Amino acid sequence: MRNKDKKILFFGFSDIGYQCLKYLIDEEYYVIGVFTHDTDPHEKQWFKTAESLAKENFIPVFKPSTLKTEKWYRKVKYMQPDLILSLYYRNIIPEEIFSQAKFGAYNMHGSYLPTYRGRAPLNWAIINGENYSGVSLHVLEKTFDTGAIVDQEKVEFSENEYVADIQPRITDAGVKLFKRSLEKLLDGNPQTTPQDESKATYFGKRTPEDGRIDFNKSAKEVYNLIRALSKPFPGAFAKINGTDTTIWRAKIGDATDLPAGTIANTSPLAIACSDKLIVVEEFEERQ
């Protein structure tokens, strides 16, 4: 293969970050450093980390809380990267850094852009009742997820699938996309397509409180929230019989005229939403 001598500076996190770094190492590309960060304390770490993989292969690892300092501008300038790759890296990469890559800087985002820019795109897509998501490789810019598209992969899913069913397919699509695009990026002039701003949507970071279930919503909306936040994520929750309870799995039940939030049945547990019952299949009390 070509371009094995070009210097790649890697910014990565999560499962896609790990898998793409592993590909670079396995194929003996020249990775000069890995920037990453720790898992959010509110999240469960369900993936192998780019940090551990880099250290196993004696690649320098950096975990700054912010890159927007003169120290890191100078550091990257000293490293003289040919290519900067951002794979699910969550911190802002300033223009003072990404502009230093001789052959450009590119980011992989976990949605089929221009929809679902921002954080937690797959979770938001499921919450909103979409039937697809995807991954997009695009030019890195100052604004979030707005750069011209290099390539994309769409991942379709059904209304019965939970996030744990879909996430591995998103990872597989991302790695596939990365492998077929890498040499084009290293050549320095990949064909790109501008995003259609008229179709752009943006969603922000989710907080733990965003997982609280509102039974005044429809059963379909409650069901989508449950399957979007189920394992390995922290889960959607509600106060049931005075106790905060995580609901991991559920299904939509019969129509009801009971007030929203009323427990209609205890075995199986069924709770009234605005239109139908939500029948709980798996739950546990929150610690």
C-alpha atoms as a PDB file:
ATOM      1  CA  MET A   1       0.000   0.000   0.000  1.00  0.00           C
ATOM      2  CA  ARG A   2       1.011   3.611  -0.472  1.00  0.00           C
ATOM      3  CA  ASN A   3       1.414   6.506   1.949  1.00  0.00           C
ATOM      4  CA  LYS A   4       2.906   4.499   4.816  1.00  0.00           C
ATOM      5  CA  ASP A   5       5.466   7.242   5.439  1.00  0.00           C
ATOM      6  CA  LYS A   6       2.982  10.088   5.952  1.00  0.00           C
ATOM      7  CA  LYS A   7       2.508  11.236   9.534  1.00  0.00           C
ATOM      8  CA  ILE A   8      -1.000  10.755  10.947  1.00  0.00           C
ATOM      9  CA  LEU A   9      -2.091  12.568  14.094  1.00  0.00           C
ATOM     10  CA  PHE A  10      -5.075  10.709  15.519  1.00  0.00           C
ATOM     11  CA  PHE A  11      -7.878  12.123  17.682  1.00  0.00           C
ATOM     12  CA  GLY A  12     -10.233   9.357  18.765  1.00  0.00           C
ATOM     13  CA  PHE A  13     -12.636   7.857  21.254  1.00  0.00           C
ATOM     14  CA  SER A  14     -15.350   5.209  21.605  1.00  0.00           C
ATOM     15  CA  ASP A  15     -15.604   1.960  19.667  1.00  0.00           C
ATOM     16  CA  ILE A  16     -15.070   3.509  16.236  1.00  0.00           C
ATOM     17  CA  GLY A  17     -12.005   5.385  17.491  1.00  0.00           C
ATOM     18  CA  TYR A  18     -10.552   2.148  18.814  1.00  0.00           C
ATOM     19  CA  GLN A  19     -11.295   0.095  15.696  1.00  0.00           C
ATOM     20  CA  CYS A  20      -9.949   2.705  13.271  1.00  0.00           C
ATOM     21  CA  LEU A  21      -6.745   3.163  15.284  1.00  0.00           C
ATOM     22  CA  LYS A  22      -6.353  -0.612  15.354  1.00  0.00           C
ATOM     23  CA  TYR A  23      -6.599  -0.682  11.559  1.00  0.00           C
ATOM     24  CA  LEU A  24      -3.897   1.984  11.242  1.00  0.00           C
ATOM     25  CA  ILE A  25      -1.593   0.066  13.577  1.00  0.00           C
ATOM     26  CA  ASP A  26      -2.285  -3.340  12.021  1.00  0.00           C
ATOM     27  CA  GLU A  27      -1.619  -1.965   8.535  1.00  0.00           C
ATOM     28  CA  GLU A  28       1.549  -0.215   9.771  1.00  0.00           C
ATOM     29  CA  TYR A  29       0.570   3.360   9.021  1.00  0.00           C
ATOM     30  CA  TYR A  30       2.683   6.017  10.709  1.00  0.00           C
ATOM     31  CA  VAL A  31       0.689   7.265  13.705  1.00  0.00           C
ATOM     32  CA  ILE A  32       2.720   9.939  15.482  1.00  0.00           C
ATOM     33  CA  GLY A  33       0.362  10.550  18.393  1.00  0.00           C
ATOM     34  CA  VAL A  34      -3.086   9.883  19.829  1.00  0.00           C
ATOM     35  CA  PHE A  35      -5.275  12.510  21.465  1.00  0.00           C
ATOM     36  CA  THR A  36      -8.164  11.126  23.484  1.00  0.00           C
ATOM     37  CA  HIS A  37     -10.056  11.682  26.745  1.00  0.00           C
ATOM     38  CA  ASP A  38     -11.669   9.804  29.593  1.00  0.00           C
ATOM     39  CA  THR A  39     -15.213   8.446  29.613  1.00  0.00           C
ATOM     40  CA  ASP A  40     -17.873  10.811  30.948  1.00  0.00           C
ATOM     41  CA  PRO A  41     -18.482   9.809  34.620  1.00  0.00           C
ATOM     42  CA  HIS A  42     -22.219   9.509  33.861  1.00  0.00           C
ATOM     43  CA  GLU A  43     -21.543   6.912  31.142  1.00  0.00           C
ATOM     44  CA  LYS A  44     -20.686   3.238  31.234  1.00  0.00           C
ATOM     45  CA  GLN A  45     -17.544   2.348  29.307  1.00  0.00           C
ATOM     46  CA  TRP A  46     -18.700  -0.418  26.968  1.00  0.00           C
ATOM     47  CA  PHE A  47     -15.830  -0.231  24.480  1.00  0.00           C
ATOM     48  CA  LYS A  48     -12.089  -0.709  24.279  1.00  0.00           C
ATOM     49  CA  THR A  49     -10.143   2.534  24.327  1.00  0.00           C
ATOM     50  CA  ALA A  50      -7.809   4.165  21.847  1.00  0.00           C
ATOM     51  CA  GLU A  51      -5.655   5.136  24.830  1.00  0.00           C
ATOM     52  CA  SER A  52      -4.905   1.550  25.875  1.00  0.00           C
ATOM     53  CA  LEU A  53      -4.276   0.476  22.293  1.00  0.00           C
ATOM     54  CA  ALA A  54      -1.866   3.355  21.660  1.00  0.00           C
ATOM     55  CA  LYS A  55       0.084   2.652  24.844  1.00  0.00           C
ATOM     56  CA  GLU A  56       0.357  -1.039  23.968  1.00  0.00           C
ATOM     57  CA  ASN A  57       1.990   0.045  20.710  1.00  0.00           C
ATOM     58  CA  PHE A  58       4.244   2.738  22.219  1.00  0.00           C
ATOM     59  CA  ILE A  59       2.417   5.612  20.543  1.00  0.00           C
ATOM     60  CA  PRO A  60       2.407   8.872  22.552  1.00  0.00           C
ATOM     61  CA  VAL A  61      -0.969   9.594  24.184  1.00  0.00           C
ATOM     62  CA  PHE A  62      -2.280  13.034  25.126  1.00  0.00           C
ATOM     63  CA  LYS A  63      -5.438  13.771  27.128  1.00  0.00           C
ATOM     64  CA  PRO A  64      -5.766  17.548  27.523  1.00  0.00           C
ATOM     65  CA  SER A  65      -9.017  18.907  28.928  1.00  0.00           C
ATOM     66  CA  THR A  66      -8.856  21.561  26.223  1.00  0.00           C
ATOM     67  CA  LEU A  67      -6.819  22.002  23.078  1.00  0.00           C
ATOM     68  CA  LYS A  68      -7.380  25.742  22.931  1.00  0.00           C
ATOM     69  CA  THR A  69      -4.043  26.765  24.396  1.00  0.00           C
ATOM     70  CA  GLU A  70      -0.758  27.955  22.956  1.00  0.00           C
ATOM     71  CA  LYS A  71       0.933  24.883  24.428  1.00  0.00           C
ATOM     72  CA  TRP A  72      -1.005  22.496  22.196  1.00  0.00           C
ATOM     73  CA  TYR A  73      -0.774  24.733  19.138  1.00  0.00           C
ATOM     74  CA  ARG A  74       3.010  24.630  19.474  1.00  0.00           C
ATOM     75  CA  LYS A  75       3.014  20.908  20.224  1.00  0.00           C
ATOM     76  CA  VAL A  76       1.125  20.017  17.051  1.00  0.00           C
ATOM     77  CA  LYS A  77       3.237  22.394  14.998  1.00  0.00           C
ATOM     78  CA  TYR A  78       6.345  20.622  16.295  1.00  0.00           C
ATOM     79  CA  MET A  79       4.856  17.216  15.352  1.00  0.00           C
ATOM     80  CA  GLN A  80       4.265  18.396  11.738  1.00  0.00           C
ATOM     81  CA  PRO A  81       1.328  16.075  10.902  1.00  0.00           C
ATOM     82  CA  ASP A  82       0.555  15.287   7.290  1.00  0.00           C
ATOM     83  CA  LEU A  83      -2.996  14.239   8.119  1.00  0.00           C
ATOM     84  CA  ILE A  84      -5.275  14.830  11.112  1.00  0.00           C
ATOM     85  CA  LEU A  85      -8.069  12.331  11.722  1.00  0.00           C
ATOM     86  CA  SER A  86     -10.846  12.799  14.266  1.00  0.00           C
ATOM     87  CA  LEU A  87     -12.835   9.638  15.014  1.00  0.00           C
ATOM     88  CA  TYR A  88     -15.541  10.287  17.633  1.00  0.00           C
ATOM     89  CA  TYR A  89     -13.261  12.691  19.499  1.00  0.00           C
ATOM     90  CA  ARG A  90     -15.551  14.854  21.634  1.00  0.00           C
ATOM     91  CA  ASN A  91     -13.447  17.925  22.421  1.00  0.00           C
ATOM     92  CA  ILE A  92     -13.186  20.928  20.127  1.00  0.00           C
ATOM     93  CA  ILE A  93     -10.182  20.794  17.796  1.00  0.00           C
ATOM     94  CA  PRO A  94      -9.287  24.449  17.124  1.00  0.00           C
ATOM     95  CA  GLU A  95      -8.462  25.704  13.658  1.00  0.00           C
ATOM     96  CA  GLU A  96      -4.996  26.607  14.976  1.00  0.00           C
ATOM     97  CA  ILE A  97      -4.449  22.844  15.275  1.00  0.00           C
ATOM     98  CA  PHE A  98      -6.343  21.208  12.411  1.00  0.00           C
ATOM     99  CA  SER A  99      -5.076  23.751   9.858  1.00  0.00           C
ATOM    100  CA  GLN A 100      -1.524  22.497  10.435  1.00  0.00           C
ATOM    101  CA  ALA A 101      -2.124  19.167   8.680  1.00  0.00           C
ATOM    102  CA  LYS A 102      -0.418  19.288   5.290  1.00  0.00           C
ATOM    103  CA  PHE A 103      -2.954  16.991   3.598  1.00  0.00           C
ATOM    104  CA  GLY A 104      -6.016  18.135   5.522  1.00  0.00           C
ATOM    105  CA  ALA A 105      -8.071  17.261   8.586  1.00  0.00           C
ATOM    106  CA  TYR A 106     -11.184  15.080   8.613  1.00  0.00           C
ATOM    107  CA  ASN A 107     -13.817  14.049  11.111  1.00  0.00           C
ATOM    108  CA  MET A 108     -16.107  11.031  11.281  1.00  0.00           C
ATOM    109  CA  HIS A 109     -19.563  11.756  12.659  1.00  0.00           C
ATOM    110  CA  GLY A 110     -22.115   9.149  13.709  1.00  0.00           C
ATOM    111  CA  SER A 111     -25.052  10.267  11.600  1.00  0.00           C
ATOM    112  CA  TYR A 112     -26.050  10.527   7.974  1.00  0.00           C
ATOM    113  CA  LEU A 113     -25.217  14.211   7.646  1.00  0.00           C
ATOM    114  CA  PRO A 114     -26.481  16.884   7.394  1.00  0.00           C
ATOM    115  CA  THR A 115     -29.084  15.501   9.817  1.00  0.00           C
ATOM    116  CA  TYR A 116     -28.263  14.943  13.487  1.00  0.00           C
ATOM    117  CA  ARG A 117     -25.223  17.124  13.837  1.00  0.00           C
ATOM    118  CA  GLY A 118     -23.956  17.368  17.410  1.00  0.00           C
ATOM    119  CA  ARG A 119     -23.807  14.875  20.256  1.00  0.00           C
ATOM    120  CA  ALA A 120     -25.381  11.408  20.718  1.00  0.00           C
ATOM    121  CA  PRO A 121     -26.742  11.241  17.151  1.00  0.00           C
ATOM    122  CA  LEU A 122     -27.821   7.590  17.207  1.00  0.00           C
ATOM    123  CA  ASN A 123     -29.631   7.980  20.527  1.00  0.00           C
ATOM    124  CA  TRP A 124     -31.427  11.062  19.250  1.00  0.00           C
ATOM    125  CA  ALA A 125     -32.390   9.344  15.991  1.00  0.00           C
ATOM    126  CA  ILE A 126     -34.021   6.460  17.881  1.00  0.00           C
ATOM    127  CA  ILE A 127     -35.752   8.839  20.299  1.00  0.00           C
ATOM    128  CA  ASN A 128     -37.210  10.718  17.359  1.00  0.00           C
ATOM    129  CA  GLY A 129     -38.523   7.560  15.716  1.00  0.00           C
ATOM    130  CA  GLU A 130     -36.184   7.512  12.713  1.00  0.00           C
ATOM    131  CA  ASN A 131     -35.614   4.311  10.758  1.00  0.00           C
ATOM    132  CA  TYR A 132     -31.992   5.012   9.808  1.00  0.00           C
ATOM    133  CA  SER A 133     -28.789   6.658  10.931  1.00  0.00           C
ATOM    134  CA  GLY A 134     -25.262   6.217   9.612  1.00  0.00           C
ATOM    135  CA  VAL A 135     -21.737   7.558   9.566  1.00  0.00           C
ATOM    136  CA  SER A 136     -20.254  10.453   7.609  1.00  0.00           C
ATOM    137  CA  LEU A 137     -16.627  11.354   6.916  1.00  0.00           C
ATOM    138  CA  HIS A 138     -16.264  15.077   6.332  1.00  0.00           C
ATOM    139  CA  VAL A 139     -13.783  17.938   6.215  1.00  0.00           C
ATOM    140  CA  LEU A 140     -13.029  19.279   9.689  1.00  0.00           C
ATOM    141  CA  GLU A 141     -14.146  22.881  10.160  1.00  0.00           C
ATOM    142  CA  LYS A 142     -14.518  25.382  13.003  1.00  0.00           C
ATOM    143  CA  THR A 143     -18.265  24.721  13.162  1.00  0.00           C
ATOM    144  CA  PHE A 144     -19.588  21.339  14.303  1.00  0.00           C
ATOM    145  CA  ASP A 145     -20.166  18.663  11.649  1.00  0.00           C
ATOM    146  CA  THR A 146     -20.627  21.156   8.809  1.00  0.00           C
ATOM    147  CA  GLY A 147     -17.717  20.302   6.482  1.00  0.00           C
ATOM    148  CA  ALA A 148     -18.022  18.918   2.979  1.00  0.00           C
ATOM    149  CA  ILE A 149     -18.699  15.179   2.831  1.00  0.00           C
ATOM    150  CA  VAL A 150     -15.982  12.795   1.673  1.00  0.00           C
ATOM    151  CA  ASP A 151     -18.108   9.649   1.978  1.00  0.00           C
ATOM    152  CA  GLN A 152     -21.083   8.227   3.898  1.00  0.00           C
ATOM    153  CA  GLU A 153     -22.693   4.949   4.919  1.00  0.00           C
ATOM    154  CA  LYS A 154     -26.381   4.668   5.796  1.00  0.00           C
ATOM    155  CA  VAL A 155     -27.502   2.184   8.476  1.00  0.00           C
ATOM    156  CA  GLU A 156     -31.181   1.273   8.495  1.00  0.00           C
ATOM    157  CA  PHE A 157     -33.013  -0.263  11.454  1.00  0.00           C
ATOM    158  CA  SER A 158     -36.505  -1.282  12.498  1.00  0.00           C
ATOM    159  CA  GLU A 159     -38.778   0.188  15.163  1.00  0.00           C
ATOM    160  CA  ASN A 160     -38.284  -2.985  17.228  1.00  0.00           C
ATOM    161  CA  GLU A 161     -34.502  -2.686  17.517  1.00  0.00           C
ATOM    162  CA  TYR A 162     -32.757  -1.304  20.567  1.00  0.00           C
ATOM    163  CA  VAL A 163     -29.603   0.806  20.581  1.00  0.00           C
ATOM    164  CA  ALA A 164     -27.458  -2.234  21.418  1.00  0.00           C
ATOM    165  CA  ASP A 165     -28.770  -3.965  18.284  1.00  0.00           C
ATOM    166  CA  ILE A 166     -27.888  -0.996  16.078  1.00  0.00           C
ATOM    167  CA  GLN A 167     -24.613   0.293  17.544  1.00  0.00           C
ATOM    168  CA  PRO A 168     -22.436  -2.589  16.261  1.00  0.00           C
ATOM    169  CA  ARG A 169     -23.697  -1.937  12.721  1.00  0.00           C
ATOM    170  CA  ILE A 170     -22.819   1.747  13.079  1.00  0.00           C
ATOM    171  CA  THR A 171     -19.303   0.732  14.151  1.00  0.00           C
ATOM    172  CA  ASP A 172     -18.959  -1.703  11.252  1.00  0.00           C
ATOM    173  CA  ALA A 173     -20.133   0.981   8.820  1.00  0.00           C
ATOM    174  CA  GLY A 174     -17.675   3.485  10.252  1.00  0.00           C
ATOM    175  CA  VAL A 175     -14.716   1.142   9.969  1.00  0.00           C
ATOM    176  CA  LYS A 176     -15.723   0.169   6.428  1.00  0.00           C
ATOM    177  CA  LEU A 177     -15.975   3.839   5.487  1.00  0.00           C
ATOM    178  CA  PHE A 178     -12.628   4.629   7.098  1.00  0.00           C
ATOM    179  CA  LYS A 179     -10.802   1.833   5.301  1.00  0.00           C
ATOM    180  CA  ARG A 180     -12.056   2.752   1.857  1.00  0.00           C
ATOM    181  CA  SER A 181     -11.379   6.481   2.366  1.00  0.00           C
ATOM    182  CA  LEU A 182      -7.975   6.496   4.058  1.00  0.00           C
ATOM    183  CA  GLU A 183      -5.745   6.375   0.990  1.00  0.00           C
ATOM    184  CA  LYS A 184      -7.773   9.123  -0.685  1.00  0.00           C
ATOM    185  CA  LEU A 185      -7.242  11.315   2.357  1.00  0.00           C
ATOM    186  CA  LEU A 186      -3.522  10.620   2.404  1.00  0.00           C
ATOM    187  CA  ASP A 187      -3.307  11.502  -1.271  1.00  0.00           C
ATOM    188  CA  GLY A 188      -4.451  14.954  -0.189  1.00  0.00           C
ATOM    189  CA  ASN A 189      -7.270  15.707  -2.595  1.00  0.00           C
ATOM    190  CA  PRO A 190     -10.402  13.600  -2.022  1.00  0.00           C
ATOM    191  CA  GLN A 191     -13.576  14.506  -3.866  1.00  0.00           C
ATOM    192  CA  THR A 192     -16.053  16.184  -1.539  1.00  0.00           C
ATOM    193  CA  THR A 193     -19.706  17.220  -1.647  1.00  0.00           C
ATOM    194  CA  PRO A 194     -20.992  20.256   0.279  1.00  0.00           C
ATOM    195  CA  GLN A 195     -23.715  19.561   2.817  1.00  0.00           C
ATOM    196  CA  ASP A 196     -27.242  20.742   2.084  1.00  0.00           C
ATOM    197  CA  GLU A 197     -27.814  23.293   4.841  1.00  0.00           C
ATOM    198  CA  SER A 198     -31.569  23.326   4.192  1.00  0.00           C
ATOM    199  CA  LYS A 199     -31.717  19.740   5.530  1.00  0.00           C
ATOM    200  CA  ALA A 200     -29.418  20.233   8.510  1.00  0.00           C
ATOM    201  CA  THR A 201     -30.547  19.420  12.052  1.00  0.00           C
ATOM    202  CA  TYR A 202     -28.605  19.740  15.294  1.00  0.00           C
ATOM    203  CA  PHE A 203     -29.003  18.026  18.663  1.00  0.00           C
ATOM    204  CA  GLY A 204     -27.029  18.753  21.817  1.00  0.00           C
ATOM    205  CA  LYS A 205     -25.438  16.703  24.559  1.00  0.00           C
ATOM    206  CA  ARG A 206     -27.809  14.565  26.598  1.00  0.00           C
ATOM    207  CA  THR A 207     -27.750  14.772  30.396  1.00  0.00           C
ATOM    208  CA  PRO A 208     -28.773  12.046  32.863  1.00  0.00           C
ATOM    209  CA  GLU A 209     -32.018  13.915  33.619  1.00  0.00           C
ATOM    210  CA  ASP A 210     -32.951  13.718  29.926  1.00  0.00           C
ATOM    211  CA  GLY A 211     -33.569  10.020  30.524  1.00  0.00           C
ATOM    212  CA  ARG A 212     -36.531  10.667  32.821  1.00  0.00           C
ATOM    213  CA  ILE A 213     -39.736   9.278  31.276  1.00  0.00           C
ATOM    214  CA  ASP A 214     -42.726  11.584  30.853  1.00  0.00           C
ATOM    215  CA  PHE A 215     -45.824   9.374  30.758  1.00  0.00           C
ATOM    216  CA  ASN A 216     -47.858  12.324  29.475  1.00  0.00           C
ATOM    217  CA  LYS A 217     -46.284  11.560  26.114  1.00  0.00           C
ATOM    218  CA  SER A 218     -47.535   8.854  23.786  1.00  0.00           C
ATOM    219  CA  ALA A 219     -46.609   5.222  24.375  1.00  0.00           C
ATOM    220  CA  LYS A 220     -44.605   5.293  21.131  1.00  0.00           C
ATOM    221  CA  GLU A 221     -42.528   8.233  22.350  1.00  0.00           C
ATOM    222  CA  VAL A 222     -41.902   6.527  25.701  1.00  0.00           C
ATOM    223  CA  TYR A 223     -40.993   3.272  23.952  1.00  0.00           C
ATOM    224  CA  ASN A 224     -38.521   5.054  21.662  1.00  0.00           C
ATOM    225  CA  LEU A 225     -36.849   6.726  24.643  1.00  0.00           C
ATOM    226  CA  ILE A 226     -36.504   3.358  26.393  1.00  0.00           C
ATOM    227  CA  ARG A 227     -34.927   1.594  23.430  1.00  0.00           C
ATOM    228  CA  ALA A 228     -32.641   4.580  22.675  1.00  0.00           C
ATOM    229  CA  LEU A 229     -31.170   4.695  26.188  1.00  0.00           C
ATOM    230  CA  SER A 230     -31.143   0.990  27.034  1.00  0.00           C
ATOM    231  CA  LYS A 231     -27.970  -0.984  27.769  1.00  0.00           C
ATOM    232  CA  PRO A 232     -25.105  -0.196  27.378  1.00  0.00           C
ATOM    233  CA  PHE A 233     -26.358   3.351  28.040  1.00  0.00           C
ATOM    234  CA  PRO A 234     -27.649   4.474  31.472  1.00  0.00           C
ATOM    235  CA  GLY A 235     -31.303   3.767  30.651  1.00  0.00           C
ATOM    236  CA  ALA A 236     -34.614   5.642  30.718  1.00  0.00           C
ATOM    237  CA  PHE A 237     -36.139   5.884  34.165  1.00  0.00           C
ATOM    238  CA  ALA A 238     -39.257   6.903  36.079  1.00  0.00           C
ATOM    239  CA  LYS A 239     -40.490   7.037  39.631  1.00  0.00           C
ATOM    240  CA  ILE A 240     -42.588   3.898  40.147  1.00  0.00           C
ATOM    241  CA  ASN A 241     -44.219   3.351  43.524  1.00  0.00           C
ATOM    242  CA  GLY A 242     -41.992   6.073  44.918  1.00  0.00           C
ATOM    243  CA  THR A 243     -38.725   4.566  43.653  1.00  0.00           C
ATOM    244  CA  ASP A 244     -36.648   5.705  40.675  1.00  0.00           C
ATOM    245  CA  THR A 245     -36.649   2.698  38.375  1.00  0.00           C
ATOM    246  CA  THR A 246     -34.751   2.098  35.138  1.00  0.00           C
ATOM    247  CA  ILE A 247     -36.793   0.514  32.378  1.00  0.00           C
ATOM    248  CA  TRP A 248     -34.532  -1.499  30.076  1.00  0.00           C
ATOM    249  CA  ARG A 249     -37.099  -3.111  27.785  1.00  0.00           C
ATOM    250  CA  ALA A 250     -40.794  -2.572  27.093  1.00  0.00           C
ATOM    251  CA  LYS A 251     -43.517  -2.867  24.478  1.00  0.00           C
ATOM    252  CA  ILE A 252     -46.563  -0.836  23.534  1.00  0.00           C
ATOM    253  CA  GLY A 253     -49.800  -2.199  24.965  1.00  0.00           C
ATOM    254  CA  ASP A 254     -53.501  -1.567  24.545  1.00  0.00           C
ATOM    255  CA  ALA A 255     -55.275   1.771  24.406  1.00  0.00           C
ATOM    256  CA  THR A 256     -56.230   3.232  27.770  1.00  0.00           C
ATOM    257  CA  ASP A 257     -58.193   6.137  29.215  1.00  0.00           C
ATOM    258  CA  LEU A 258     -56.421   5.980  32.582  1.00  0.00           C
ATOM    259  CA  PRO A 259     -54.578   9.119  33.698  1.00  0.00           C
ATOM    260  CA  ALA A 260     -50.983   9.221  32.463  1.00  0.00           C
ATOM    261  CA  GLY A 261     -48.595   7.576  34.912  1.00  0.00           C
ATOM    262  CA  THR A 262     -51.211   5.284  36.440  1.00  0.00           C
ATOM    263  CA  ILE A 263     -50.043   1.727  37.105  1.00  0.00           C
ATOM    264  CA  ALA A 264     -52.640  -0.342  35.278  1.00  0.00           C
ATOM    265  CA  ASN A 265     -51.170  -3.729  36.093  1.00  0.00           C
ATOM    266  CA  THR A 266     -48.311  -5.107  38.201  1.00  0.00           C
ATOM    267  CA  SER A 267     -47.675  -8.478  36.538  1.00  0.00           C
ATOM    268  CA  PRO A 268     -46.544  -7.617  33.974  1.00  0.00           C
ATOM    269  CA  LEU A 269     -45.974  -4.013  34.982  1.00  0.00           C
ATOM    270  CA  ALA A 270     -48.053  -1.754  32.720  1.00  0.00           C
ATOM    271  CA  ILE A 271     -48.207   2.030  32.986  1.00  0.00           C
ATOM    272  CA  ALA A 272     -50.602   4.412  31.262  1.00  0.00           C
ATOM    273  CA  CYS A 273     -49.246   6.911  28.764  1.00  0.00           C
ATOM    274  CA  SER A 274     -51.333   9.586  27.044  1.00  0.00           C
ATOM    275  CA  ASP A 275     -52.874   7.093  24.615  1.00  0.00           C
ATOM    276  CA  LYS A 276     -51.824   3.515  25.373  1.00  0.00           C
ATOM    277  CA  LEU A 277     -50.146   1.401  28.003  1.00  0.00           C
ATOM    278  CA  ILE A 278     -46.404   0.829  28.079  1.00  0.00           C
ATOM    279  CA  VAL A 279     -45.791  -2.760  29.182  1.00  0.00           C
ATOM    280  CA  VAL A 280     -42.488  -3.150  31.012  1.00  0.00           C
ATOM    281  CA  GLU A 281     -40.485  -6.280  30.182  1.00  0.00           C
ATOM    282  CA  GLU A 282     -37.247  -5.597  32.080  1.00  0.00           C
ATOM    283  CA  PHE A 283     -36.518  -3.077  34.847  1.00  0.00           C
ATOM    284  CA  GLU A 284     -34.456  -2.495  37.967  1.00  0.00           C
ATOM    285  CA  GLU A 285     -34.416  -0.023  40.810  1.00  0.00           C
ATOM    286  CA  ARG A 286     -31.804   2.715  40.397  1.00  0.00           C
ATOM    287  CA  GLN A 287     -28.925   2.777  42.837  1.00  0.00           C
END
